[in-house]
């Protein structure tokens, strides 16, 4: 099982990955569901993989709601 590294979490509508605020763009579901580990509870969660397109850049990531209600973001390599 591939381990997806935790990038961070957000309780608001702003979160940057590699300098890009992901909440400013439409998330396109990649069609992959992965198991990640909640960084606080250490429990497994099923999250979807997404991508956003910013100009000629495509940014892929895994995201979902953590058990504390915040958005959790993890790395994703296609």
C-alpha atoms as a PDB file:
ATOM      1  CA  UNK A   1       0.000   0.000   0.000  1.00  0.00           C
ATOM      2  CA  UNK A   2       1.407   3.392  -1.007  1.00  0.00           C
ATOM      3  CA  UNK A   3       1.811   5.872   1.818  1.00  0.00           C
ATOM      4  CA  UNK A   4       0.475   9.335   1.049  1.00  0.00           C
ATOM      5  CA  UNK A   5       2.295  12.019   3.008  1.00  0.00           C
ATOM      6  CA  UNK A   6       0.252  14.535   4.973  1.00  0.00           C
ATOM      7  CA  UNK A   7       0.681  18.069   3.584  1.00  0.00           C
ATOM      8  CA  UNK A   8      -1.543  19.952   6.017  1.00  0.00           C
ATOM      9  CA  UNK A   9      -5.072  20.856   7.005  1.00  0.00           C
ATOM     10  CA  UNK A  10      -7.397  23.835   6.801  1.00  0.00           C
ATOM     11  CA  UNK A  11     -10.473  24.885   8.713  1.00  0.00           C
ATOM     12  CA  UNK A  12     -11.161  27.683   6.254  1.00  0.00           C
ATOM     13  CA  UNK A  13     -11.534  28.071   2.494  1.00  0.00           C
ATOM     14  CA  UNK A  14      -7.842  28.769   1.918  1.00  0.00           C
ATOM     15  CA  UNK A  15      -5.026  26.256   1.573  1.00  0.00           C
ATOM     16  CA  UNK A  16      -1.934  26.468  -0.617  1.00  0.00           C
ATOM     17  CA  UNK A  17      -0.050  23.562  -2.137  1.00  0.00           C
ATOM     18  CA  UNK A  18       3.168  24.603  -3.900  1.00  0.00           C
ATOM     19  CA  UNK A  19       1.991  28.208  -3.736  1.00  0.00           C
ATOM     20  CA  UNK A  20      -1.417  27.519  -5.317  1.00  0.00           C
ATOM     21  CA  UNK A  21      -4.581  28.120  -3.276  1.00  0.00           C
ATOM     22  CA  UNK A  22      -6.536  24.976  -4.137  1.00  0.00           C
ATOM     23  CA  UNK A  23      -9.864  26.477  -3.064  1.00  0.00           C
ATOM     24  CA  UNK A  24      -9.673  29.045  -5.890  1.00  0.00           C
ATOM     25  CA  UNK A  25      -9.916  26.353  -8.586  1.00  0.00           C
ATOM     26  CA  UNK A  26     -12.329  23.609  -9.634  1.00  0.00           C
ATOM     27  CA  UNK A  27     -11.293  20.219  -8.272  1.00  0.00           C
ATOM     28  CA  UNK A  28     -11.429  17.486 -10.916  1.00  0.00           C
ATOM     29  CA  UNK A  29     -11.854  14.004  -9.467  1.00  0.00           C
ATOM     30  CA  UNK A  30      -9.157  11.690 -10.806  1.00  0.00           C
ATOM     31  CA  UNK A  31     -11.181   8.563 -10.044  1.00  0.00           C
ATOM     32  CA  UNK A  32      -8.797   7.100  -7.480  1.00  0.00           C
ATOM     33  CA  UNK A  33      -9.757   6.526  -3.848  1.00  0.00           C
ATOM     34  CA  UNK A  34      -6.864   6.008  -1.441  1.00  0.00           C
ATOM     35  CA  UNK A  35      -6.445   5.166   2.217  1.00  0.00           C
ATOM     36  CA  UNK A  36      -4.709   7.876   4.252  1.00  0.00           C
ATOM     37  CA  UNK A  37      -3.946   8.076   7.962  1.00  0.00           C
ATOM     38  CA  UNK A  38      -5.560  10.878   9.983  1.00  0.00           C
ATOM     39  CA  UNK A  39      -2.555  12.732  11.470  1.00  0.00           C
ATOM     40  CA  UNK A  40      -4.290  13.271  14.831  1.00  0.00           C
ATOM     41  CA  UNK A  41      -6.185  10.033  15.465  1.00  0.00           C
ATOM     42  CA  UNK A  42      -3.939   7.725  13.377  1.00  0.00           C
ATOM     43  CA  UNK A  43      -7.111   6.114  11.998  1.00  0.00           C
ATOM     44  CA  UNK A  44      -7.375   5.151   8.302  1.00  0.00           C
ATOM     45  CA  UNK A  45      -9.692   7.237   6.122  1.00  0.00           C
ATOM     46  CA  UNK A  46     -10.792   6.850   2.479  1.00  0.00           C
ATOM     47  CA  UNK A  47     -10.163  10.035   0.506  1.00  0.00           C
ATOM     48  CA  UNK A  48     -10.454  10.836  -3.192  1.00  0.00           C
ATOM     49  CA  UNK A  49      -7.657  12.051  -5.435  1.00  0.00           C
ATOM     50  CA  UNK A  50      -8.161  15.321  -7.299  1.00  0.00           C
ATOM     51  CA  UNK A  51      -6.346  17.561  -9.722  1.00  0.00           C
ATOM     52  CA  UNK A  52      -6.579  21.221 -10.564  1.00  0.00           C
ATOM     53  CA  UNK A  53      -5.309  22.899 -13.688  1.00  0.00           C
ATOM     54  CA  UNK A  54      -3.681  26.310 -13.430  1.00  0.00           C
ATOM     55  CA  UNK A  55      -2.526  27.468 -16.847  1.00  0.00           C
ATOM     56  CA  UNK A  56      -0.105  24.797 -18.064  1.00  0.00           C
ATOM     57  CA  UNK A  57       0.367  23.368 -14.541  1.00  0.00           C
ATOM     58  CA  UNK A  58      -1.554  20.374 -13.218  1.00  0.00           C
ATOM     59  CA  UNK A  59      -1.519  19.878  -9.452  1.00  0.00           C
ATOM     60  CA  UNK A  60      -2.666  16.512  -8.056  1.00  0.00           C
ATOM     61  CA  UNK A  61      -3.538  15.859  -4.412  1.00  0.00           C
ATOM     62  CA  UNK A  62      -5.687  13.772  -2.086  1.00  0.00           C
ATOM     63  CA  UNK A  63      -8.265  15.594   0.042  1.00  0.00           C
ATOM     64  CA  UNK A  64     -11.154  14.965   2.392  1.00  0.00           C
ATOM     65  CA  UNK A  65     -12.600  15.887   5.757  1.00  0.00           C
ATOM     66  CA  UNK A  66     -10.555  14.737   8.739  1.00  0.00           C
ATOM     67  CA  UNK A  67     -12.214  13.536  11.928  1.00  0.00           C
ATOM     68  CA  UNK A  68     -11.741  17.017  13.461  1.00  0.00           C
ATOM     69  CA  UNK A  69     -13.880  18.503  10.644  1.00  0.00           C
ATOM     70  CA  UNK A  70     -10.993  20.245   8.859  1.00  0.00           C
ATOM     71  CA  UNK A  71      -9.970  19.567   5.281  1.00  0.00           C
ATOM     72  CA  UNK A  72      -6.930  17.288   5.148  1.00  0.00           C
ATOM     73  CA  UNK A  73      -4.516  17.306   2.206  1.00  0.00           C
ATOM     74  CA  UNK A  74      -2.074  14.591   1.200  1.00  0.00           C
ATOM     75  CA  UNK A  75       0.377  14.188  -1.663  1.00  0.00           C
ATOM     76  CA  UNK A  76      -0.621  12.183  -4.728  1.00  0.00           C
ATOM     77  CA  UNK A  77       1.566  10.829  -7.508  1.00  0.00           C
ATOM     78  CA  UNK A  78      -0.303   9.486 -10.509  1.00  0.00           C
END
